[in-house]
Amino acid sequence: MKKVALVAIGVFLLAGCSSPETVTKLRLATHDSFYISDEQIAEFESSTGYDLEVITLGDTGGLTNQLVLTKAAPVADVVYGIDNTFAPVATENKIVEDLVPINYGDVCFNYDIDWFDANGIQPPTSWRELGDPRFKNLVVIPNPTLSSPGLAFLATTHAGFETSAEVFAYWRSLRDNGLKTTSDWTEAYFTHFTRYEGERPIVLSYASSPAAEIKNGVAGSAALRTECFRQTEYASAVVGGSNPAGAKALIDFFLTESFQSQLPWNMFVYPVADVELPQEFAQFAAPAESTIGENLDIAANREQWLTDWQDVFDN
C-alpha cells in the first residue's frame, strides 16, 4: 500500500450559492495515506453541493487518537481510514457512528527481489522463517505499539501458533535475529527498505505493495501472500459532527464505482465493491492467498499483546 502524503485541502467553490442556514462545509478526517484526485473532489462537490475539506491526522493510530482527544469539540464531520485493528478504540470511545467498509488490504511481508538475487540468498517463503539466522538484520516492521500494520502482525502470530509460549518464542527469535522496529509504516518502507536505498530487504507491508515496485513490466518486490492479516478500512460519520447529512453523502460517494475503481492506484488498496482490479495488480499484487487473525478479539487482547511485546523486546 503506497503511502502518499496528502496536504489538507479546503475547497470552497460553492460557498456563495448557499443560504446562511445551509451547512455546505464538510470536514473529512483521514490518515496520511489517503488520496483523492481533484477530479473526484469536483465530482463529489458538483453532485452534492458540499465543500470538502480534507484534514490529515497522521497514520491510522494517530487519526483515531486525535479523534478521541477532540471528541468534545470534533474536528471533523466524517472519518475515513479507521481499520479493524483500531475500530474497537473508536467504538469504545464513542467517536463514530456506523462503520462502513470501504476498502481492504492484506498485511504481509514484502521482500526486495533484486537484493536477494544480488546477494545469492534464498528469500523467505513465510513469516515463520524470519527468525532464521540467514535473515539476521534483514527485517524491519512498524512498531506494533504505534501502528496498525504492526498490531496486525501481532494478531497474525497469535493466530498462527497454538499457545502464547510459542508466540513469545517466535518474537524472541525475531528480537535475537536483529528485527528493527520503526515509528510507522512510512519510515519502515521508505527509509529502511532496500528498494528505497535502505538497509533492510524484508519489510512488513501489504500484498498490494509490489504493484508500486513494477518497472518496465518487471516486479521489483514480492509479497509473502499466505497467512496474512486482512485489514479493512471504514468510513463513518463522526459523533457530534456539524454535518451528518454531508457525512452520509460522502460515504455513499466512497462506495460508487467511480471512487472504488480508483482505489488500487490511488491508495494501493483493494476495493470492497465488485470492480475489476488493474492488470498489474492481478499479476503482481493480488490479494493474499490466505488470511488469519481477523476472528480474534482484538479489543479484548490488544493491551495484553502490546504489553507482552514490550516485555519481550525490553528484555
C-alpha atoms as a PDB file:
ATOM      1  CA  MET A   1       0.000   0.000   0.000  1.00  0.00           C
ATOM      2  CA  LYS A   2       1.891   3.009  -1.143  1.00  0.00           C
ATOM      3  CA  LYS A   3       1.723   5.865   1.263  1.00  0.00           C
ATOM      4  CA  VAL A   4       1.133   9.204  -0.472  1.00  0.00           C
ATOM      5  CA  ALA A   5       1.064  12.214   1.808  1.00  0.00           C
ATOM      6  CA  LEU A   6      -1.915  14.482   1.195  1.00  0.00           C
ATOM      7  CA  VAL A   7      -1.807  18.108   2.224  1.00  0.00           C
ATOM      8  CA  ALA A   8      -5.017  19.192   3.889  1.00  0.00           C
ATOM      9  CA  ILE A   9      -7.320  20.643   1.248  1.00  0.00           C
ATOM     10  CA  GLY A  10     -10.056  23.235   1.569  1.00  0.00           C
ATOM     11  CA  VAL A  11     -12.273  23.739  -1.448  1.00  0.00           C
ATOM     12  CA  PHE A  12     -14.900  26.441  -1.336  1.00  0.00           C
ATOM     13  CA  LEU A  13     -16.354  26.620  -4.861  1.00  0.00           C
ATOM     14  CA  LEU A  14     -19.988  26.755  -3.798  1.00  0.00           C
ATOM     15  CA  ALA A  15     -19.870  28.953  -0.706  1.00  0.00           C
ATOM     16  CA  GLY A  16     -21.571  31.891  -2.386  1.00  0.00           C
ATOM     17  CA  CYS A  17     -24.505  29.782  -3.566  1.00  0.00           C
ATOM     18  CA  SER A  18     -25.983  28.734  -0.247  1.00  0.00           C
ATOM     19  CA  SER A  19     -28.067  30.396   2.389  1.00  0.00           C
ATOM     20  CA  PRO A  20     -26.594  31.121   5.840  1.00  0.00           C
ATOM     21  CA  GLU A  21     -28.705  28.290   7.320  1.00  0.00           C
ATOM     22  CA  THR A  22     -27.354  25.673   4.907  1.00  0.00           C
ATOM     23  CA  VAL A  23     -24.257  23.785   6.038  1.00  0.00           C
ATOM     24  CA  THR A  24     -22.124  23.259   2.949  1.00  0.00           C
ATOM     25  CA  LYS A  25     -18.723  22.777   4.550  1.00  0.00           C
ATOM     26  CA  LEU A  26     -17.828  19.126   5.062  1.00  0.00           C
ATOM     27  CA  ARG A  27     -14.723  18.179   7.049  1.00  0.00           C
ATOM     28  CA  LEU A  28     -13.129  14.800   6.366  1.00  0.00           C
ATOM     29  CA  ALA A  29     -10.529  13.468   8.814  1.00  0.00           C
ATOM     30  CA  THR A  30      -8.257  10.786   7.427  1.00  0.00           C
ATOM     31  CA  HIS A  31      -4.769   9.280   7.584  1.00  0.00           C
ATOM     32  CA  ASP A  32      -1.735  10.448   5.656  1.00  0.00           C
ATOM     33  CA  SER A  33      -2.057   7.638   3.088  1.00  0.00           C
ATOM     34  CA  PHE A  34      -5.396   8.920   1.839  1.00  0.00           C
ATOM     35  CA  TYR A  35      -5.611  10.261  -1.689  1.00  0.00           C
ATOM     36  CA  ILE A  36      -8.482  11.683  -3.663  1.00  0.00           C
ATOM     37  CA  SER A  37      -7.957  13.403  -7.001  1.00  0.00           C
ATOM     38  CA  ASP A  38      -9.064  16.946  -7.743  1.00  0.00           C
ATOM     39  CA  GLU A  39     -11.400  15.474 -10.357  1.00  0.00           C
ATOM     40  CA  GLN A  40     -13.069  13.250  -7.770  1.00  0.00           C
ATOM     41  CA  ILE A  41     -13.423  16.146  -5.346  1.00  0.00           C
ATOM     42  CA  ALA A  42     -15.055  18.197  -8.105  1.00  0.00           C
ATOM     43  CA  GLU A  43     -17.358  15.288  -8.959  1.00  0.00           C
ATOM     44  CA  PHE A  44     -18.467  14.938  -5.339  1.00  0.00           C
ATOM     45  CA  GLU A  45     -18.934  18.660  -4.785  1.00  0.00           C
ATOM     46  CA  SER A  46     -20.842  19.278  -8.012  1.00  0.00           C
ATOM     47  CA  SER A  47     -23.202  16.373  -7.370  1.00  0.00           C
ATOM     48  CA  THR A  48     -23.908  17.185  -3.715  1.00  0.00           C
ATOM     49  CA  GLY A  49     -23.323  20.906  -3.186  1.00  0.00           C
ATOM     50  CA  TYR A  50     -20.885  20.316  -0.313  1.00  0.00           C
ATOM     51  CA  ASP A  51     -17.448  21.910   0.017  1.00  0.00           C
ATOM     52  CA  LEU A  52     -14.934  19.246   1.027  1.00  0.00           C
ATOM     53  CA  GLU A  53     -12.057  19.947   3.389  1.00  0.00           C
ATOM     54  CA  VAL A  54      -9.595  17.076   3.905  1.00  0.00           C
ATOM     55  CA  ILE A  55      -7.748  17.009   7.232  1.00  0.00           C
ATOM     56  CA  THR A  56      -4.895  14.520   7.616  1.00  0.00           C
ATOM     57  CA  LEU A  57      -4.070  13.381  11.150  1.00  0.00           C
ATOM     58  CA  GLY A  58      -1.086  11.052  10.804  1.00  0.00           C
ATOM     59  CA  ASP A  59      -1.292   7.288  10.462  1.00  0.00           C
ATOM     60  CA  THR A  60      -4.302   5.181  11.458  1.00  0.00           C
ATOM     61  CA  GLY A  61      -3.349   5.195  15.125  1.00  0.00           C
ATOM     62  CA  GLY A  62      -2.760   8.934  15.138  1.00  0.00           C
ATOM     63  CA  LEU A  63      -6.032   9.554  13.331  1.00  0.00           C
ATOM     64  CA  THR A  64      -8.010   7.511  15.834  1.00  0.00           C
ATOM     65  CA  ASN A  65      -6.283   9.008  18.851  1.00  0.00           C
ATOM     66  CA  GLN A  66      -6.771  12.591  17.620  1.00  0.00           C
ATOM     67  CA  LEU A  67     -10.487  11.997  17.189  1.00  0.00           C
ATOM     68  CA  VAL A  68     -10.657  10.589  20.716  1.00  0.00           C
ATOM     69  CA  LEU A  69      -8.787  13.571  22.142  1.00  0.00           C
ATOM     70  CA  THR A  70     -11.030  16.085  20.328  1.00  0.00           C
ATOM     71  CA  LYS A  71     -14.384  14.333  20.739  1.00  0.00           C
ATOM     72  CA  ALA A  72     -15.732  17.129  22.964  1.00  0.00           C
ATOM     73  CA  ALA A  73     -15.257  19.517  20.027  1.00  0.00           C
ATOM     74  CA  PRO A  74     -14.993  17.333  16.896  1.00  0.00           C
ATOM     75  CA  VAL A  75     -12.514  18.478  14.262  1.00  0.00           C
ATOM     76  CA  ALA A  76     -14.353  16.594  11.505  1.00  0.00           C
ATOM     77  CA  ASP A  77     -17.789  15.516  10.349  1.00  0.00           C
ATOM     78  CA  VAL A  78     -16.724  12.247   8.738  1.00  0.00           C
ATOM     79  CA  VAL A  79     -13.714   9.966   9.086  1.00  0.00           C
ATOM     80  CA  TYR A  80     -12.072   7.636   6.579  1.00  0.00           C
ATOM     81  CA  GLY A  81      -9.357   5.143   7.461  1.00  0.00           C
ATOM     82  CA  ILE A  82     -10.059   3.666  10.882  1.00  0.00           C
ATOM     83  CA  ASP A  83      -9.429  -0.049  10.380  1.00  0.00           C
ATOM     84  CA  ASN A  84     -10.386  -3.246  12.169  1.00  0.00           C
ATOM     85  CA  THR A  85      -7.363  -3.051  14.459  1.00  0.00           C
ATOM     86  CA  PHE A  86      -8.341   0.408  15.750  1.00  0.00           C
ATOM     87  CA  ALA A  87     -12.126   0.130  15.362  1.00  0.00           C
ATOM     88  CA  PRO A  88     -12.501  -1.092  18.978  1.00  0.00           C
ATOM     89  CA  VAL A  89     -10.820   2.099  20.209  1.00  0.00           C
ATOM     90  CA  ALA A  90     -13.170   4.230  18.119  1.00  0.00           C
ATOM     91  CA  THR A  91     -16.333   2.438  19.215  1.00  0.00           C
ATOM     92  CA  GLU A  92     -15.371   2.209  22.890  1.00  0.00           C
ATOM     93  CA  ASN A  93     -14.763   5.961  22.941  1.00  0.00           C
ATOM     94  CA  LYS A  94     -17.994   6.670  21.048  1.00  0.00           C
ATOM     95  CA  ILE A  95     -16.380   8.842  18.376  1.00  0.00           C
ATOM     96  CA  VAL A  96     -18.034   7.170  15.360  1.00  0.00           C
ATOM     97  CA  GLU A  97     -21.497   6.203  14.191  1.00  0.00           C
ATOM     98  CA  ASP A  98     -21.828   3.130  11.939  1.00  0.00           C
ATOM     99  CA  LEU A  99     -18.522   1.925  10.456  1.00  0.00           C
ATOM    100  CA  VAL A 100     -18.946   1.260   6.720  1.00  0.00           C
ATOM    101  CA  PRO A 101     -16.281  -0.877   4.943  1.00  0.00           C
ATOM    102  CA  ILE A 102     -14.682   0.991   2.018  1.00  0.00           C
ATOM    103  CA  ASN A 103     -11.510  -0.925   1.169  1.00  0.00           C
ATOM    104  CA  TYR A 104      -9.254  -3.680   2.414  1.00  0.00           C
ATOM    105  CA  GLY A 105      -5.580  -4.602   2.355  1.00  0.00           C
ATOM    106  CA  ASP A 106      -3.687  -7.715   3.355  1.00  0.00           C
ATOM    107  CA  VAL A 107      -0.814  -7.127   5.788  1.00  0.00           C
ATOM    108  CA  CYS A 108       2.140  -9.346   4.916  1.00  0.00           C
ATOM    109  CA  PHE A 109       5.892  -9.222   4.480  1.00  0.00           C
ATOM    110  CA  ASN A 110       7.456  -7.987   1.236  1.00  0.00           C
ATOM    111  CA  TYR A 111      10.981  -8.680   0.051  1.00  0.00           C
ATOM    112  CA  ASP A 112      13.300  -6.991  -2.438  1.00  0.00           C
ATOM    113  CA  ILE A 113      13.756  -9.457  -5.312  1.00  0.00           C
ATOM    114  CA  ASP A 114      16.855  -7.721  -6.696  1.00  0.00           C
ATOM    115  CA  TRP A 115      18.594  -7.639  -3.311  1.00  0.00           C
ATOM    116  CA  PHE A 116      18.194 -11.366  -2.747  1.00  0.00           C
ATOM    117  CA  ASP A 117      19.294 -12.143  -6.309  1.00  0.00           C
ATOM    118  CA  ALA A 118      22.374  -9.925  -5.963  1.00  0.00           C
ATOM    119  CA  ASN A 119      23.366 -11.458  -2.627  1.00  0.00           C
ATOM    120  CA  GLY A 120      22.733 -15.069  -3.586  1.00  0.00           C
ATOM    121  CA  ILE A 121      20.352 -15.658  -0.678  1.00  0.00           C
ATOM    122  CA  GLN A 122      17.114 -17.589  -0.994  1.00  0.00           C
ATOM    123  CA  PRO A 123      14.238 -15.286   0.032  1.00  0.00           C
ATOM    124  CA  PRO A 124      11.772 -16.384   2.711  1.00  0.00           C
ATOM    125  CA  THR A 125       8.560 -18.163   1.799  1.00  0.00           C
ATOM    126  CA  SER A 126       6.735 -17.486   5.089  1.00  0.00           C
ATOM    127  CA  TRP A 127       6.863 -15.063   8.007  1.00  0.00           C
ATOM    128  CA  ARG A 128       7.542 -18.119  10.175  1.00  0.00           C
ATOM    129  CA  GLU A 129      11.090 -18.283   8.744  1.00  0.00           C
ATOM    130  CA  LEU A 130      12.171 -14.777   9.706  1.00  0.00           C
ATOM    131  CA  GLY A 131      13.918 -15.863  12.904  1.00  0.00           C
ATOM    132  CA  ASP A 132      16.289 -17.973  10.787  1.00  0.00           C
ATOM    133  CA  PRO A 133      19.942 -16.812  11.004  1.00  0.00           C
ATOM    134  CA  ARG A 134      20.116 -16.282   7.231  1.00  0.00           C
ATOM    135  CA  PHE A 135      17.735 -13.348   7.684  1.00  0.00           C
ATOM    136  CA  LYS A 136      19.677 -11.751  10.548  1.00  0.00           C
ATOM    137  CA  ASN A 137      19.431  -7.943  10.473  1.00  0.00           C
ATOM    138  CA  LEU A 138      17.321  -8.059   7.302  1.00  0.00           C
ATOM    139  CA  VAL A 139      13.793  -7.419   8.633  1.00  0.00           C
ATOM    140  CA  VAL A 140      12.011  -4.172   9.533  1.00  0.00           C
ATOM    141  CA  ILE A 141       8.456  -3.669  10.796  1.00  0.00           C
ATOM    142  CA  PRO A 142       6.454  -0.692  12.089  1.00  0.00           C
ATOM    143  CA  ASN A 143       6.218  -0.848  15.870  1.00  0.00           C
ATOM    144  CA  PRO A 144       3.062  -2.756  16.905  1.00  0.00           C
ATOM    145  CA  THR A 145       2.519  -0.356  19.801  1.00  0.00           C
ATOM    146  CA  LEU A 146       2.257   2.566  17.370  1.00  0.00           C
ATOM    147  CA  SER A 147       0.919   1.285  14.048  1.00  0.00           C
ATOM    148  CA  SER A 148      -1.995  -0.729  12.698  1.00  0.00           C
ATOM    149  CA  PRO A 149       0.138  -2.963  10.401  1.00  0.00           C
ATOM    150  CA  GLY A 150       2.354  -3.767  13.371  1.00  0.00           C
ATOM    151  CA  LEU A 151      -0.642  -4.660  15.514  1.00  0.00           C
ATOM    152  CA  ALA A 152      -1.994  -6.751  12.637  1.00  0.00           C
ATOM    153  CA  PHE A 153       1.273  -8.696  12.701  1.00  0.00           C
ATOM    154  CA  LEU A 154       0.778  -9.478  16.399  1.00  0.00           C
ATOM    155  CA  ALA A 155      -2.687 -10.795  15.593  1.00  0.00           C
ATOM    156  CA  THR A 156      -1.168 -12.917  12.821  1.00  0.00           C
ATOM    157  CA  THR A 157       1.340 -14.502  15.176  1.00  0.00           C
ATOM    158  CA  HIS A 158      -1.278 -15.219  17.834  1.00  0.00           C
ATOM    159  CA  ALA A 159      -3.487 -16.835  15.201  1.00  0.00           C
ATOM    160  CA  GLY A 160      -0.568 -18.775  13.750  1.00  0.00           C
ATOM    161  CA  PHE A 161       0.508 -20.547  16.943  1.00  0.00           C
ATOM    162  CA  GLU A 162      -1.493 -22.629  19.386  1.00  0.00           C
ATOM    163  CA  THR A 163      -0.007 -21.276  22.623  1.00  0.00           C
ATOM    164  CA  SER A 164       1.267 -17.972  23.945  1.00  0.00           C
ATOM    165  CA  ALA A 165       4.566 -19.686  24.748  1.00  0.00           C
ATOM    166  CA  GLU A 166       5.053 -20.408  21.043  1.00  0.00           C
ATOM    167  CA  VAL A 167       4.182 -16.817  20.162  1.00  0.00           C
ATOM    168  CA  PHE A 168       6.698 -15.427  22.653  1.00  0.00           C
ATOM    169  CA  ALA A 169       9.376 -17.847  21.448  1.00  0.00           C
ATOM    170  CA  TYR A 170       8.834 -16.626  17.890  1.00  0.00           C
ATOM    171  CA  TRP A 171       9.004 -12.979  18.958  1.00  0.00           C
ATOM    172  CA  ARG A 172      12.253 -13.670  20.826  1.00  0.00           C
ATOM    173  CA  SER A 173      13.684 -15.301  17.702  1.00  0.00           C
ATOM    174  CA  LEU A 174      12.940 -12.090  15.791  1.00  0.00           C
ATOM    175  CA  ARG A 175      14.470  -9.970  18.540  1.00  0.00           C
ATOM    176  CA  ASP A 176      17.622 -12.084  18.662  1.00  0.00           C
ATOM    177  CA  ASN A 177      17.817 -12.008  14.865  1.00  0.00           C
ATOM    178  CA  GLY A 178      18.078  -8.216  14.791  1.00  0.00           C
ATOM    179  CA  LEU A 179      14.490  -7.195  14.000  1.00  0.00           C
ATOM    180  CA  LYS A 180      14.235  -3.431  13.530  1.00  0.00           C
ATOM    181  CA  THR A 181      11.077  -1.544  14.522  1.00  0.00           C
ATOM    182  CA  THR A 182      10.097   1.946  13.376  1.00  0.00           C
ATOM    183  CA  SER A 183       7.560   4.544  14.432  1.00  0.00           C
ATOM    184  CA  ASP A 184       5.258   3.898  11.482  1.00  0.00           C
ATOM    185  CA  TRP A 185       4.829   2.148   8.125  1.00  0.00           C
ATOM    186  CA  THR A 186       6.168   5.086   6.133  1.00  0.00           C
ATOM    187  CA  GLU A 187       9.508   5.027   7.934  1.00  0.00           C
ATOM    188  CA  ALA A 188       9.799   1.259   7.649  1.00  0.00           C
ATOM    189  CA  TYR A 189       9.069   1.227   3.915  1.00  0.00           C
ATOM    190  CA  PHE A 190      10.561   4.435   2.568  1.00  0.00           C
ATOM    191  CA  THR A 191      13.545   4.827   4.907  1.00  0.00           C
ATOM    192  CA  HIS A 192      14.720   1.302   5.718  1.00  0.00           C
ATOM    193  CA  PHE A 193      13.509  -0.915   2.848  1.00  0.00           C
ATOM    194  CA  THR A 194      16.290  -1.566   0.318  1.00  0.00           C
ATOM    195  CA  ARG A 195      14.012  -0.648  -2.594  1.00  0.00           C
ATOM    196  CA  TYR A 196      14.439   2.927  -1.331  1.00  0.00           C
ATOM    197  CA  GLU A 197      18.162   2.776  -0.515  1.00  0.00           C
ATOM    198  CA  GLY A 198      17.575   1.454   2.981  1.00  0.00           C
ATOM    199  CA  GLU A 199      19.397  -1.423   4.644  1.00  0.00           C
ATOM    200  CA  ARG A 200      16.586  -3.977   5.153  1.00  0.00           C
ATOM    201  CA  PRO A 201      15.355  -6.122   2.218  1.00  0.00           C
ATOM    202  CA  ILE A 202      12.337  -7.523   4.113  1.00  0.00           C
ATOM    203  CA  VAL A 203       9.588  -5.168   5.301  1.00  0.00           C
ATOM    204  CA  LEU A 204       6.149  -5.614   6.816  1.00  0.00           C
ATOM    205  CA  SER A 205       3.778  -4.072   4.292  1.00  0.00           C
ATOM    206  CA  TYR A 206       0.848  -5.195   2.160  1.00  0.00           C
ATOM    207  CA  ALA A 207       0.070  -7.724  -0.566  1.00  0.00           C
ATOM    208  CA  SER A 208      -0.661  -4.772  -2.851  1.00  0.00           C
ATOM    209  CA  SER A 209       2.697  -3.045  -2.316  1.00  0.00           C
ATOM    210  CA  PRO A 210       4.568  -4.874  -5.131  1.00  0.00           C
ATOM    211  CA  ALA A 211       2.399  -3.013  -7.650  1.00  0.00           C
ATOM    212  CA  ALA A 212       4.329   0.123  -6.703  1.00  0.00           C
ATOM    213  CA  GLU A 213       7.656  -1.543  -7.470  1.00  0.00           C
ATOM    214  CA  ILE A 214       6.941  -2.582 -11.081  1.00  0.00           C
ATOM    215  CA  LYS A 215       9.390  -1.135 -13.602  1.00  0.00           C
ATOM    216  CA  ASN A 216       9.145  -1.858 -17.317  1.00  0.00           C
ATOM    217  CA  GLY A 217       6.755  -4.688 -16.602  1.00  0.00           C
ATOM    218  CA  VAL A 218       9.118  -6.396 -14.141  1.00  0.00           C
ATOM    219  CA  ALA A 219       8.336  -6.831 -10.439  1.00  0.00           C
ATOM    220  CA  GLY A 220      10.935  -5.419  -8.050  1.00  0.00           C
ATOM    221  CA  SER A 221       9.419  -6.874  -4.900  1.00  0.00           C
ATOM    222  CA  ALA A 222       7.175  -9.756  -3.916  1.00  0.00           C
ATOM    223  CA  ALA A 223       4.819 -10.407  -1.026  1.00  0.00           C
ATOM    224  CA  LEU A 224       4.592 -13.489   1.179  1.00  0.00           C
ATOM    225  CA  ARG A 225       0.914 -13.989   0.430  1.00  0.00           C
ATOM    226  CA  THR A 226      -0.054 -16.772   2.827  1.00  0.00           C
ATOM    227  CA  GLU A 227      -1.188 -16.346   6.442  1.00  0.00           C
ATOM    228  CA  CYS A 228      -1.615 -12.599   6.078  1.00  0.00           C
ATOM    229  CA  PHE A 229      -3.940 -10.364   8.098  1.00  0.00           C
ATOM    230  CA  ARG A 230      -6.861  -8.773   6.270  1.00  0.00           C
ATOM    231  CA  GLN A 231      -7.142  -5.140   7.285  1.00  0.00           C
ATOM    232  CA  THR A 232     -10.454  -3.452   6.465  1.00  0.00           C
ATOM    233  CA  GLU A 233     -10.747   0.344   6.422  1.00  0.00           C
ATOM    234  CA  TYR A 234     -14.003   2.061   7.263  1.00  0.00           C
ATOM    235  CA  ALA A 235     -15.713   5.402   6.852  1.00  0.00           C
ATOM    236  CA  SER A 236     -18.149   6.810   9.385  1.00  0.00           C
ATOM    237  CA  ALA A 237     -19.903   9.950  10.464  1.00  0.00           C
ATOM    238  CA  VAL A 238     -18.147  11.452  13.484  1.00  0.00           C
ATOM    239  CA  VAL A 239     -20.284  11.658  16.610  1.00  0.00           C
ATOM    240  CA  GLY A 240     -21.064  15.320  17.272  1.00  0.00           C
ATOM    241  CA  GLY A 241     -20.042  16.433  13.789  1.00  0.00           C
ATOM    242  CA  SER A 242     -21.774  19.504  12.378  1.00  0.00           C
ATOM    243  CA  ASN A 243     -22.777  17.980   9.021  1.00  0.00           C
ATOM    244  CA  PRO A 244     -24.195  14.434   9.359  1.00  0.00           C
ATOM    245  CA  ALA A 245     -26.049  14.702   6.045  1.00  0.00           C
ATOM    246  CA  GLY A 246     -22.825  15.604   4.277  1.00  0.00           C
ATOM    247  CA  ALA A 247     -21.050  12.732   6.003  1.00  0.00           C
ATOM    248  CA  LYS A 248     -23.611  10.283   4.622  1.00  0.00           C
ATOM    249  CA  ALA A 249     -23.288  11.760   1.141  1.00  0.00           C
ATOM    250  CA  LEU A 250     -19.506  11.357   1.196  1.00  0.00           C
ATOM    251  CA  ILE A 251     -19.684   7.770   2.452  1.00  0.00           C
ATOM    252  CA  ASP A 252     -22.130   6.992  -0.354  1.00  0.00           C
ATOM    253  CA  PHE A 253     -19.656   8.553  -2.808  1.00  0.00           C
ATOM    254  CA  PHE A 254     -16.836   6.378  -1.447  1.00  0.00           C
ATOM    255  CA  LEU A 255     -18.899   3.336  -2.443  1.00  0.00           C
ATOM    256  CA  THR A 256     -19.511   4.446  -6.035  1.00  0.00           C
ATOM    257  CA  GLU A 257     -17.797   2.675  -8.907  1.00  0.00           C
ATOM    258  CA  SER A 258     -16.079   5.963  -9.770  1.00  0.00           C
ATOM    259  CA  PHE A 259     -14.265   6.064  -6.421  1.00  0.00           C
ATOM    260  CA  GLN A 260     -13.852   2.318  -5.862  1.00  0.00           C
ATOM    261  CA  SER A 261     -12.252   1.702  -9.256  1.00  0.00           C
ATOM    262  CA  GLN A 262      -9.515   4.245  -8.496  1.00  0.00           C
ATOM    263  CA  LEU A 263      -8.565   2.808  -5.098  1.00  0.00           C
ATOM    264  CA  PRO A 264      -5.845   0.378  -6.273  1.00  0.00           C
ATOM    265  CA  TRP A 265      -3.645   3.002  -7.926  1.00  0.00           C
ATOM    266  CA  ASN A 266      -4.672   5.917  -5.691  1.00  0.00           C
ATOM    267  CA  MET A 267      -4.002   4.203  -2.348  1.00  0.00           C
ATOM    268  CA  PHE A 268      -2.737   0.701  -3.174  1.00  0.00           C
ATOM    269  CA  VAL A 269      -5.678  -0.996  -1.511  1.00  0.00           C
ATOM    270  CA  TYR A 270      -8.401  -3.298  -2.791  1.00  0.00           C
ATOM    271  CA  PRO A 271     -11.982  -2.055  -3.305  1.00  0.00           C
ATOM    272  CA  VAL A 272     -14.860  -3.639  -1.423  1.00  0.00           C
ATOM    273  CA  ALA A 273     -17.081  -3.206  -4.485  1.00  0.00           C
ATOM    274  CA  ASP A 274     -17.081  -5.767  -7.270  1.00  0.00           C
ATOM    275  CA  VAL A 275     -14.852  -3.847  -9.679  1.00  0.00           C
ATOM    276  CA  GLU A 276     -12.060  -5.317 -11.779  1.00  0.00           C
ATOM    277  CA  LEU A 277      -8.510  -4.899 -10.482  1.00  0.00           C
ATOM    278  CA  PRO A 278      -5.913  -3.329 -12.792  1.00  0.00           C
ATOM    279  CA  GLN A 279      -3.899  -5.910 -14.734  1.00  0.00           C
ATOM    280  CA  GLU A 280      -0.709  -5.085 -12.806  1.00  0.00           C
ATOM    281  CA  PHE A 281      -2.422  -5.833  -9.507  1.00  0.00           C
ATOM    282  CA  ALA A 282      -3.886  -9.067 -10.781  1.00  0.00           C
ATOM    283  CA  GLN A 283      -0.440 -10.193 -11.975  1.00  0.00           C
ATOM    284  CA  PHE A 284       1.928  -8.914  -9.286  1.00  0.00           C
ATOM    285  CA  ALA A 285      -0.129  -7.678  -6.326  1.00  0.00           C
ATOM    286  CA  ALA A 286      -3.241  -9.809  -5.935  1.00  0.00           C
ATOM    287  CA  PRO A 287      -4.949 -10.208  -2.555  1.00  0.00           C
ATOM    288  CA  ALA A 288      -3.491 -12.763  -0.150  1.00  0.00           C
ATOM    289  CA  GLU A 289      -3.962 -16.459  -0.806  1.00  0.00           C
ATOM    290  CA  SER A 290      -4.862 -16.993   2.850  1.00  0.00           C
ATOM    291  CA  THR A 291      -5.512 -14.756   5.846  1.00  0.00           C
ATOM    292  CA  ILE A 292      -5.602 -15.418   9.584  1.00  0.00           C
ATOM    293  CA  GLY A 293      -6.288 -13.498  12.773  1.00  0.00           C
ATOM    294  CA  GLU A 294      -9.320 -11.435  11.816  1.00  0.00           C
ATOM    295  CA  ASN A 295     -11.539 -13.580  14.040  1.00  0.00           C
ATOM    296  CA  LEU A 296      -9.526 -12.769  17.161  1.00  0.00           C
ATOM    297  CA  ASP A 297     -10.971 -10.380  19.724  1.00  0.00           C
ATOM    298  CA  ILE A 298      -8.532  -7.522  19.220  1.00  0.00           C
ATOM    299  CA  ALA A 299     -10.388  -5.249  21.632  1.00  0.00           C
ATOM    300  CA  ALA A 300     -10.071  -7.752  24.471  1.00  0.00           C
ATOM    301  CA  ASN A 301      -6.463  -8.696  23.749  1.00  0.00           C
ATOM    302  CA  ARG A 302      -4.883  -5.513  22.441  1.00  0.00           C
ATOM    303  CA  GLU A 303      -3.376  -4.147  25.651  1.00  0.00           C
ATOM    304  CA  GLN A 304      -2.066  -7.536  26.788  1.00  0.00           C
ATOM    305  CA  TRP A 305      -0.490  -8.225  23.385  1.00  0.00           C
ATOM    306  CA  LEU A 306       1.260  -4.872  23.419  1.00  0.00           C
ATOM    307  CA  THR A 307       2.471  -5.357  26.990  1.00  0.00           C
ATOM    308  CA  ASP A 308       3.791  -8.815  26.118  1.00  0.00           C
ATOM    309  CA  TRP A 309       5.554  -7.469  23.024  1.00  0.00           C
ATOM    310  CA  GLN A 310       7.236  -4.726  25.032  1.00  0.00           C
ATOM    311  CA  ASP A 311       8.277  -7.238  27.686  1.00  0.00           C
ATOM    312  CA  VAL A 312       9.969  -9.400  25.043  1.00  0.00           C
ATOM    313  CA  PHE A 313      11.753  -6.538  23.323  1.00  0.00           C
ATOM    314  CA  ASP A 314      12.763  -4.768  26.527  1.00  0.00           C
ATOM    315  CA  ASN A 315      14.489  -7.882  27.893  1.00  0.00           C
END
